[in-house]
Structures are given as structure tokens and as C-alpha cells.
Amino acid sequence: ILEVGAGGNVTTVRHESEHVFRNV
């Protein structure tokens, strides 16, 4: 997952990156 330019006020993209395939 190449995540670019996702900031911290809205963490939608950052959350998706860390969780979408986690624990598989």
C-alpha cells in the first residue's frame, strides 16, 4: 500500500491503509 499525502485531521485514508488487509 503506497500511501501519499494523507494528513491527520481526516484520517480516512490513513485508517484504510492500516486496516484494509490487516489480520489476514
mmCIF file of all heavy atoms, coordinates in Angstrom:
data_MODEL
# 
_entry.id   MODEL 
# 
loop_
_atom_site.group_PDB 
_atom_site.id 
_atom_site.type_symbol 
_atom_site.label_atom_id 
_atom_site.label_alt_id 
_atom_site.label_comp_id 
_atom_site.label_asym_id 
_atom_site.label_entity_id 
_atom_site.label_seq_id 
_atom_site.pdbx_PDB_ins_code 
_atom_site.Cartn_x 
_atom_site.Cartn_y 
_atom_site.Cartn_z 
_atom_site.occupancy 
_atom_site.B_iso_or_equiv 
_atom_site.pdbx_formal_charge 
_atom_site.auth_seq_id 
_atom_site.auth_comp_id 
_atom_site.auth_asym_id 
_atom_site.auth_atom_id 
_atom_site.pdbx_PDB_model_num 
ATOM 1   N N   . ILE A 1 1  ? 0.867   -1.178  0.000  1.00 0.00 ? 1  ILE A N   1 
ATOM 2   C CA  . ILE A 1 1  ? 0.000   0.000   0.000  1.00 0.00 ? 1  ILE A CA  1 
ATOM 3   C C   . ILE A 1 1  ? 0.900   1.223   0.000  1.00 0.00 ? 1  ILE A C   1 
ATOM 4   O O   . ILE A 1 1  ? 1.627   1.468   0.964  1.00 0.00 ? 1  ILE A O   1 
ATOM 5   C CB  . ILE A 1 1  ? -0.929  0.016   1.230  1.00 0.00 ? 1  ILE A CB  1 
ATOM 6   C CG1 . ILE A 1 1  ? -1.801  -1.242  1.255  1.00 0.00 ? 1  ILE A CG1 1 
ATOM 7   C CG2 . ILE A 1 1  ? -1.799  1.275   1.223  1.00 0.00 ? 1  ILE A CG2 1 
ATOM 8   C CD1 . ILE A 1 1  ? -2.659  -1.375  2.492  1.00 0.00 ? 1  ILE A CD1 1 
ATOM 9   N N   . LEU A 1 2  ? 0.881   1.961   -1.075 1.00 0.00 ? 2  LEU A N   1 
ATOM 10  C CA  . LEU A 1 2  ? 1.647   3.195   -1.176 1.00 0.00 ? 2  LEU A CA  1 
ATOM 11  C C   . LEU A 1 2  ? 0.720   4.347   -0.828 1.00 0.00 ? 2  LEU A C   1 
ATOM 12  O O   . LEU A 1 2  ? -0.139  4.729   -1.612 1.00 0.00 ? 2  LEU A O   1 
ATOM 13  C CB  . LEU A 1 2  ? 2.210   3.373   -2.588 1.00 0.00 ? 2  LEU A CB  1 
ATOM 14  C CG  . LEU A 1 2  ? 2.953   4.692   -2.860 1.00 0.00 ? 2  LEU A CG  1 
ATOM 15  C CD1 . LEU A 1 2  ? 4.158   4.847   -1.940 1.00 0.00 ? 2  LEU A CD1 1 
ATOM 16  C CD2 . LEU A 1 2  ? 3.373   4.788   -4.329 1.00 0.00 ? 2  LEU A CD2 1 
ATOM 17  N N   . GLU A 1 3  ? 0.884   4.875   0.381  1.00 0.00 ? 3  GLU A N   1 
ATOM 18  C CA  . GLU A 1 3  ? 0.037   5.965   0.852  1.00 0.00 ? 3  GLU A CA  1 
ATOM 19  C C   . GLU A 1 3  ? 0.818   7.274   0.748  1.00 0.00 ? 3  GLU A C   1 
ATOM 20  O O   . GLU A 1 3  ? 1.912   7.387   1.286  1.00 0.00 ? 3  GLU A O   1 
ATOM 21  C CB  . GLU A 1 3  ? -0.376  5.722   2.300  1.00 0.00 ? 3  GLU A CB  1 
ATOM 22  C CG  . GLU A 1 3  ? -1.254  6.826   2.876  1.00 0.00 ? 3  GLU A CG  1 
ATOM 23  C CD  . GLU A 1 3  ? -1.266  6.788   4.384  1.00 0.00 ? 3  GLU A CD  1 
ATOM 24  O OE1 . GLU A 1 3  ? -1.949  5.905   4.944  1.00 0.00 ? 3  GLU A OE1 1 
ATOM 25  O OE2 . GLU A 1 3  ? -0.584  7.623   5.015  1.00 0.00 ? 3  GLU A OE2 1 
ATOM 26  N N   . VAL A 1 4  ? 0.230   8.253   0.068  1.00 0.00 ? 4  VAL A N   1 
ATOM 27  C CA  . VAL A 1 4  ? 0.923   9.512   -0.174 1.00 0.00 ? 4  VAL A CA  1 
ATOM 28  C C   . VAL A 1 4  ? 0.046   10.694  0.230  1.00 0.00 ? 4  VAL A C   1 
ATOM 29  O O   . VAL A 1 4  ? -1.099  10.814  -0.213 1.00 0.00 ? 4  VAL A O   1 
ATOM 30  C CB  . VAL A 1 4  ? 1.315   9.663   -1.662 1.00 0.00 ? 4  VAL A CB  1 
ATOM 31  C CG1 . VAL A 1 4  ? 2.171   10.910  -1.854 1.00 0.00 ? 4  VAL A CG1 1 
ATOM 32  C CG2 . VAL A 1 4  ? 2.057   8.433   -2.164 1.00 0.00 ? 4  VAL A CG2 1 
ATOM 33  N N   . GLY A 1 5  ? 0.581   11.568  1.070  1.00 0.00 ? 5  GLY A N   1 
ATOM 34  C CA  . GLY A 1 5  ? -0.068  12.845  1.352  1.00 0.00 ? 5  GLY A CA  1 
ATOM 35  C C   . GLY A 1 5  ? -1.338  12.784  2.162  1.00 0.00 ? 5  GLY A C   1 
ATOM 36  O O   . GLY A 1 5  ? -2.178  13.675  2.051  1.00 0.00 ? 5  GLY A O   1 
ATOM 37  N N   . ALA A 1 6  ? -1.500  11.759  2.986  1.00 0.00 ? 6  ALA A N   1 
ATOM 38  C CA  . ALA A 1 6  ? -2.701  11.660  3.822  1.00 0.00 ? 6  ALA A CA  1 
ATOM 39  C C   . ALA A 1 6  ? -2.397  12.267  5.183  1.00 0.00 ? 6  ALA A C   1 
ATOM 40  O O   . ALA A 1 6  ? -1.549  11.764  5.919  1.00 0.00 ? 6  ALA A O   1 
ATOM 41  C CB  . ALA A 1 6  ? -3.130  10.205  3.971  1.00 0.00 ? 6  ALA A CB  1 
ATOM 42  N N   . GLY A 1 7  ? -3.089  13.349  5.516  1.00 0.00 ? 7  GLY A N   1 
ATOM 43  C CA  . GLY A 1 7  ? -2.807  14.092  6.738  1.00 0.00 ? 7  GLY A CA  1 
ATOM 44  C C   . GLY A 1 7  ? -3.534  13.561  7.952  1.00 0.00 ? 7  GLY A C   1 
ATOM 45  O O   . GLY A 1 7  ? -4.100  12.468  7.948  1.00 0.00 ? 7  GLY A O   1 
ATOM 46  N N   . GLY A 1 8  ? -3.544  14.353  9.008  1.00 0.00 ? 8  GLY A N   1 
ATOM 47  C CA  . GLY A 1 8  ? -4.024  13.872  10.285 1.00 0.00 ? 8  GLY A CA  1 
ATOM 48  C C   . GLY A 1 8  ? -5.348  14.409  10.761 1.00 0.00 ? 8  GLY A C   1 
ATOM 49  O O   . GLY A 1 8  ? -5.887  13.915  11.749 1.00 0.00 ? 8  GLY A O   1 
ATOM 50  N N   . ASN A 1 9  ? -5.904  15.399  10.096 1.00 0.00 ? 9  ASN A N   1 
ATOM 51  C CA  . ASN A 1 9  ? -7.184  15.931  10.551 1.00 0.00 ? 9  ASN A CA  1 
ATOM 52  C C   . ASN A 1 9  ? -8.330  15.022  10.141 1.00 0.00 ? 9  ASN A C   1 
ATOM 53  O O   . ASN A 1 9  ? -9.262  14.768  10.907 1.00 0.00 ? 9  ASN A O   1 
ATOM 54  C CB  . ASN A 1 9  ? -7.395  17.336  10.005 1.00 0.00 ? 9  ASN A CB  1 
ATOM 55  C CG  . ASN A 1 9  ? -8.084  18.244  11.004 1.00 0.00 ? 9  ASN A CG  1 
ATOM 56  O OD1 . ASN A 1 9  ? -8.598  17.782  12.005 1.00 0.00 ? 9  ASN A OD1 1 
ATOM 57  N ND2 . ASN A 1 9  ? -8.101  19.529  10.721 1.00 0.00 ? 9  ASN A ND2 1 
ATOM 58  N N   . VAL A 1 10 ? -8.273  14.551  8.935  1.00 0.00 ? 10 VAL A N   1 
ATOM 59  C CA  . VAL A 1 10 ? -9.176  13.499  8.466  1.00 0.00 ? 10 VAL A CA  1 
ATOM 60  C C   . VAL A 1 10 ? -8.329  12.271  8.244  1.00 0.00 ? 10 VAL A C   1 
ATOM 61  O O   . VAL A 1 10 ? -7.446  12.269  7.400  1.00 0.00 ? 10 VAL A O   1 
ATOM 62  C CB  . VAL A 1 10 ? -9.851  13.890  7.146  1.00 0.00 ? 10 VAL A CB  1 
ATOM 63  C CG1 . VAL A 1 10 ? -10.705 12.748  6.620  1.00 0.00 ? 10 VAL A CG1 1 
ATOM 64  C CG2 . VAL A 1 10 ? -10.708 15.108  7.347  1.00 0.00 ? 10 VAL A CG2 1 
ATOM 65  N N   . THR A 1 11 ? -8.573  11.232  9.003  1.00 0.00 ? 11 THR A N   1 
ATOM 66  C CA  . THR A 1 11 ? -7.718  10.054  8.938  1.00 0.00 ? 11 THR A CA  1 
ATOM 67  C C   . THR A 1 11 ? -8.331  8.914   8.124  1.00 0.00 ? 11 THR A C   1 
ATOM 68  O O   . THR A 1 11 ? -7.946  7.759   8.267  1.00 0.00 ? 11 THR A O   1 
ATOM 69  C CB  . THR A 1 11 ? -7.394  9.559   10.357 1.00 0.00 ? 11 THR A CB  1 
ATOM 70  O OG1 . THR A 1 11 ? -8.620  9.278   11.047 1.00 0.00 ? 11 THR A OG1 1 
ATOM 71  C CG2 . THR A 1 11 ? -6.606  10.609  11.129 1.00 0.00 ? 11 THR A CG2 1 
ATOM 72  N N   . THR A 1 12 ? -9.267  9.244   7.267  1.00 0.00 ? 12 THR A N   1 
ATOM 73  C CA  . THR A 1 12 ? -9.949  8.221   6.471  1.00 0.00 ? 12 THR A CA  1 
ATOM 74  C C   . THR A 1 12 ? -8.960  7.368   5.693  1.00 0.00 ? 12 THR A C   1 
ATOM 75  O O   . THR A 1 12 ? -8.996  6.133   5.745  1.00 0.00 ? 12 THR A O   1 
ATOM 76  C CB  . THR A 1 12 ? -10.937 8.875   5.491  1.00 0.00 ? 12 THR A CB  1 
ATOM 77  O OG1 . THR A 1 12 ? -11.796 9.755   6.197  1.00 0.00 ? 12 THR A OG1 1 
ATOM 78  C CG2 . THR A 1 12 ? -11.754 7.823   4.773  1.00 0.00 ? 12 THR A CG2 1 
ATOM 79  N N   . VAL A 1 13 ? -8.074  8.002   4.946  1.00 0.00 ? 13 VAL A N   1 
ATOM 80  C CA  . VAL A 1 13 ? -7.126  7.266   4.108  1.00 0.00 ? 13 VAL A CA  1 
ATOM 81  C C   . VAL A 1 13 ? -6.109  6.531   4.972  1.00 0.00 ? 13 VAL A C   1 
ATOM 82  O O   . VAL A 1 13 ? -5.785  5.361   4.720  1.00 0.00 ? 13 VAL A O   1 
ATOM 83  C CB  . VAL A 1 13 ? -6.427  8.219   3.130  1.00 0.00 ? 13 VAL A CB  1 
ATOM 84  C CG1 . VAL A 1 13 ? -5.317  7.498   2.366  1.00 0.00 ? 13 VAL A CG1 1 
ATOM 85  C CG2 . VAL A 1 13 ? -7.438  8.800   2.142  1.00 0.00 ? 13 VAL A CG2 1 
ATOM 86  N N   . ARG A 1 14 ? -5.587  7.186   5.996  1.00 0.00 ? 14 ARG A N   1 
ATOM 87  C CA  . ARG A 1 14 ? -4.600  6.556   6.870  1.00 0.00 ? 14 ARG A CA  1 
ATOM 88  C C   . ARG A 1 14 ? -5.197  5.322   7.560  1.00 0.00 ? 14 ARG A C   1 
ATOM 89  O O   . ARG A 1 14 ? -4.542  4.280   7.678  1.00 0.00 ? 14 ARG A O   1 
ATOM 90  C CB  . ARG A 1 14 ? -4.103  7.558   7.906  1.00 0.00 ? 14 ARG A CB  1 
ATOM 91  C CG  . ARG A 1 14 ? -3.355  8.747   7.305  1.00 0.00 ? 14 ARG A CG  1 
ATOM 92  C CD  . ARG A 1 14 ? -3.006  9.783   8.352  1.00 0.00 ? 14 ARG A CD  1 
ATOM 93  N NE  . ARG A 1 14 ? -1.973  9.333   9.254  1.00 0.00 ? 14 ARG A NE  1 
ATOM 94  C CZ  . ARG A 1 14 ? -0.672  9.607   9.124  1.00 0.00 ? 14 ARG A CZ  1 
ATOM 95  N NH1 . ARG A 1 14 ? -0.249  10.319  8.089  1.00 0.00 ? 14 ARG A NH1 1 
ATOM 96  N NH2 . ARG A 1 14 ? 0.197   9.165   10.007 1.00 0.00 ? 14 ARG A NH2 1 
ATOM 97  N N   . HIS A 1 15 ? -6.430  5.442   8.010  1.00 0.00 ? 15 HIS A N   1 
ATOM 98  C CA  . HIS A 1 15 ? -7.098  4.308   8.654  1.00 0.00 ? 15 HIS A CA  1 
ATOM 99  C C   . HIS A 1 15 ? -7.283  3.163   7.667  1.00 0.00 ? 15 HIS A C   1 
ATOM 100 O O   . HIS A 1 15 ? -7.039  1.994   8.001  1.00 0.00 ? 15 HIS A O   1 
ATOM 101 C CB  . HIS A 1 15 ? -8.443  4.752   9.216  1.00 0.00 ? 15 HIS A CB  1 
ATOM 102 C CG  . HIS A 1 15 ? -9.189  3.675   9.942  1.00 0.00 ? 15 HIS A CG  1 
ATOM 103 N ND1 . HIS A 1 15 ? -10.034 2.799   9.300  1.00 0.00 ? 15 HIS A ND1 1 
ATOM 104 C CD2 . HIS A 1 15 ? -9.201  3.318   11.267 1.00 0.00 ? 15 HIS A CD2 1 
ATOM 105 C CE1 . HIS A 1 15 ? -10.552 1.957   10.179 1.00 0.00 ? 15 HIS A CE1 1 
ATOM 106 N NE2 . HIS A 1 15 ? -10.061 2.252   11.371 1.00 0.00 ? 15 HIS A NE2 1 
ATOM 107 N N   . GLU A 1 16 ? -7.701  3.481   6.456  1.00 0.00 ? 16 GLU A N   1 
ATOM 108 C CA  . GLU A 1 16 ? -7.887  2.446   5.440  1.00 0.00 ? 16 GLU A CA  1 
ATOM 109 C C   . GLU A 1 16 ? -6.581  1.722   5.155  1.00 0.00 ? 16 GLU A C   1 
ATOM 110 O O   . GLU A 1 16 ? -6.546  0.486   5.040  1.00 0.00 ? 16 GLU A O   1 
ATOM 111 C CB  . GLU A 1 16 ? -8.446  3.069   4.164  1.00 0.00 ? 16 GLU A CB  1 
ATOM 112 C CG  . GLU A 1 16 ? -8.764  2.073   3.048  1.00 0.00 ? 16 GLU A CG  1 
ATOM 113 C CD  . GLU A 1 16 ? -9.982  1.227   3.339  1.00 0.00 ? 16 GLU A CD  1 
ATOM 114 O OE1 . GLU A 1 16 ? -10.708 1.512   4.318  1.00 0.00 ? 16 GLU A OE1 1 
ATOM 115 O OE2 . GLU A 1 16 ? -10.223 0.261   2.586  1.00 0.00 ? 16 GLU A OE2 1 
ATOM 116 N N   . SER A 1 17 ? -5.508  2.482   5.039  1.00 0.00 ? 17 SER A N   1 
ATOM 117 C CA  . SER A 1 17 ? -4.212  1.889   4.723  1.00 0.00 ? 17 SER A CA  1 
ATOM 118 C C   . SER A 1 17 ? -3.769  0.886   5.780  1.00 0.00 ? 17 SER A C   1 
ATOM 119 O O   . SER A 1 17 ? -3.227  -0.179  5.464  1.00 0.00 ? 17 SER A O   1 
ATOM 120 C CB  . SER A 1 17 ? -3.146  2.984   4.602  1.00 0.00 ? 17 SER A CB  1 
ATOM 121 O OG  . SER A 1 17 ? -3.427  3.871   3.546  1.00 0.00 ? 17 SER A OG  1 
ATOM 122 N N   . GLU A 1 18 ? -3.991  1.201   7.039  1.00 0.00 ? 18 GLU A N   1 
ATOM 123 C CA  . GLU A 1 18 ? -3.514  0.341   8.118  1.00 0.00 ? 18 GLU A CA  1 
ATOM 124 C C   . GLU A 1 18 ? -4.433  -0.838  8.411  1.00 0.00 ? 18 GLU A C   1 
ATOM 125 O O   . GLU A 1 18 ? -4.021  -1.798  9.061  1.00 0.00 ? 18 GLU A O   1 
ATOM 126 C CB  . GLU A 1 18 ? -3.296  1.159   9.391  1.00 0.00 ? 18 GLU A CB  1 
ATOM 127 C CG  . GLU A 1 18 ? -2.171  2.179   9.265  1.00 0.00 ? 18 GLU A CG  1 
ATOM 128 C CD  . GLU A 1 18 ? -1.771  2.811   10.600 1.00 0.00 ? 18 GLU A CD  1 
ATOM 129 O OE1 . GLU A 1 18 ? -2.230  2.309   11.654 1.00 0.00 ? 18 GLU A OE1 1 
ATOM 130 O OE2 . GLU A 1 18 ? -1.012  3.795   10.589 1.00 0.00 ? 18 GLU A OE2 1 
ATOM 131 N N   . HIS A 1 19 ? -5.681  -0.769  7.928  1.00 0.00 ? 19 HIS A N   1 
ATOM 132 C CA  . HIS A 1 19 ? -6.654  -1.791  8.328  1.00 0.00 ? 19 HIS A CA  1 
ATOM 133 C C   . HIS A 1 19 ? -7.209  -2.642  7.194  1.00 0.00 ? 19 HIS A C   1 
ATOM 134 O O   . HIS A 1 19 ? -7.769  -3.707  7.466  1.00 0.00 ? 19 HIS A O   1 
ATOM 135 C CB  . HIS A 1 19 ? -7.832  -1.126  9.060  1.00 0.00 ? 19 HIS A CB  1 
ATOM 136 C CG  . HIS A 1 19 ? -7.483  -0.619  10.412 1.00 0.00 ? 19 HIS A CG  1 
ATOM 137 N ND1 . HIS A 1 19 ? -6.889  0.611   10.604 1.00 0.00 ? 19 HIS A ND1 1 
ATOM 138 C CD2 . HIS A 1 19 ? -7.629  -1.162  11.650 1.00 0.00 ? 19 HIS A CD2 1 
ATOM 139 C CE1 . HIS A 1 19 ? -6.691  0.804   11.902 1.00 0.00 ? 19 HIS A CE1 1 
ATOM 140 N NE2 . HIS A 1 19 ? -7.129  -0.250  12.552 1.00 0.00 ? 19 HIS A NE2 1 
ATOM 141 N N   . VAL A 1 20 ? -7.085  -2.224  5.952  1.00 0.00 ? 20 VAL A N   1 
ATOM 142 C CA  . VAL A 1 20 ? -7.826  -2.895  4.885  1.00 0.00 ? 20 VAL A CA  1 
ATOM 143 C C   . VAL A 1 20 ? -7.442  -4.370  4.744  1.00 0.00 ? 20 VAL A C   1 
ATOM 144 O O   . VAL A 1 20 ? -8.307  -5.216  4.495  1.00 0.00 ? 20 VAL A O   1 
ATOM 145 C CB  . VAL A 1 20 ? -7.658  -2.139  3.547  1.00 0.00 ? 20 VAL A CB  1 
ATOM 146 C CG1 . VAL A 1 20 ? -6.205  -2.060  3.109  1.00 0.00 ? 20 VAL A CG1 1 
ATOM 147 C CG2 . VAL A 1 20 ? -8.506  -2.777  2.460  1.00 0.00 ? 20 VAL A CG2 1 
ATOM 148 N N   . PHE A 1 21 ? -6.151  -4.715  4.908  1.00 0.00 ? 21 PHE A N   1 
ATOM 149 C CA  . PHE A 1 21 ? -5.740  -6.121  4.806  1.00 0.00 ? 21 PHE A CA  1 
ATOM 150 C C   . PHE A 1 21 ? -5.093  -6.622  6.100  1.00 0.00 ? 21 PHE A C   1 
ATOM 151 O O   . PHE A 1 21 ? -4.400  -7.630  6.101  1.00 0.00 ? 21 PHE A O   1 
ATOM 152 C CB  . PHE A 1 21 ? -4.775  -6.304  3.633  1.00 0.00 ? 21 PHE A CB  1 
ATOM 153 C CG  . PHE A 1 21 ? -5.398  -6.019  2.302  1.00 0.00 ? 21 PHE A CG  1 
ATOM 154 C CD1 . PHE A 1 21 ? -4.909  -5.009  1.493  1.00 0.00 ? 21 PHE A CD1 1 
ATOM 155 C CD2 . PHE A 1 21 ? -6.488  -6.751  1.855  1.00 0.00 ? 21 PHE A CD2 1 
ATOM 156 C CE1 . PHE A 1 21 ? -5.485  -4.731  0.256  1.00 0.00 ? 21 PHE A CE1 1 
ATOM 157 C CE2 . PHE A 1 21 ? -7.080  -6.483  0.631  1.00 0.00 ? 21 PHE A CE2 1 
ATOM 158 C CZ  . PHE A 1 21 ? -6.585  -5.470  -0.173 1.00 0.00 ? 21 PHE A CZ  1 
ATOM 159 N N   . ARG A 1 22 ? -5.341  -5.906  7.176  1.00 0.00 ? 22 ARG A N   1 
ATOM 160 C CA  . ARG A 1 22 ? -4.766  -6.290  8.458  1.00 0.00 ? 22 ARG A CA  1 
ATOM 161 C C   . ARG A 1 22 ? -5.434  -7.554  8.994  1.00 0.00 ? 22 ARG A C   1 
ATOM 162 O O   . ARG A 1 22 ? -6.624  -7.766  8.805  1.00 0.00 ? 22 ARG A O   1 
ATOM 163 C CB  . ARG A 1 22 ? -4.960  -5.131  9.451  1.00 0.00 ? 22 ARG A CB  1 
ATOM 164 C CG  . ARG A 1 22 ? -4.270  -5.300  10.791 1.00 0.00 ? 22 ARG A CG  1 
ATOM 165 C CD  . ARG A 1 22 ? -4.447  -4.016  11.583 1.00 0.00 ? 22 ARG A CD  1 
ATOM 166 N NE  . ARG A 1 22 ? -3.943  -4.127  12.948 1.00 0.00 ? 22 ARG A NE  1 
ATOM 167 C CZ  . ARG A 1 22 ? -3.994  -3.146  13.826 1.00 0.00 ? 22 ARG A CZ  1 
ATOM 168 N NH1 . ARG A 1 22 ? -4.533  -1.974  13.487 1.00 0.00 ? 22 ARG A NH1 1 
ATOM 169 N NH2 . ARG A 1 22 ? -3.525  -3.311  15.040 1.00 0.00 ? 22 ARG A NH2 1 
ATOM 170 N N   . ASN A 1 23 ? -4.647  -8.384  9.643  1.00 0.00 ? 23 ASN A N   1 
ATOM 171 C CA  . ASN A 1 23 ? -5.132  -9.617  10.288 1.00 0.00 ? 23 ASN A CA  1 
ATOM 172 C C   . ASN A 1 23 ? -5.658  -10.651 9.310  1.00 0.00 ? 23 ASN A C   1 
ATOM 173 O O   . ASN A 1 23 ? -6.480  -11.498 9.672  1.00 0.00 ? 23 ASN A O   1 
ATOM 174 C CB  . ASN A 1 23 ? -6.212  -9.298  11.332 1.00 0.00 ? 23 ASN A CB  1 
ATOM 175 C CG  . ASN A 1 23 ? -5.664  -8.511  12.503 1.00 0.00 ? 23 ASN A CG  1 
ATOM 176 O OD1 . ASN A 1 23 ? -4.547  -8.730  12.936 1.00 0.00 ? 23 ASN A OD1 1 
ATOM 177 N ND2 . ASN A 1 23 ? -6.459  -7.567  13.010 1.00 0.00 ? 23 ASN A ND2 1 
ATOM 178 N N   . VAL A 1 24 ? -5.202  -10.591 8.065  1.00 0.00 ? 24 VAL A N   1 
ATOM 179 C CA  . VAL A 1 24 ? -5.481  -11.664 7.107  1.00 0.00 ? 24 VAL A CA  1 
ATOM 180 C C   . VAL A 1 24 ? -4.229  -12.529 7.055  1.00 0.00 ? 24 VAL A C   1 
ATOM 181 O O   . VAL A 1 24 ? -3.180  -12.089 6.559  1.00 0.00 ? 24 VAL A O   1 
ATOM 182 C CB  . VAL A 1 24 ? -5.813  -11.110 5.710  1.00 0.00 ? 24 VAL A CB  1 
ATOM 183 C CG1 . VAL A 1 24 ? -6.116  -12.248 4.748  1.00 0.00 ? 24 VAL A CG1 1 
ATOM 184 C CG2 . VAL A 1 24 ? -6.990  -10.141 5.785  1.00 0.00 ? 24 VAL A CG2 1 
# 
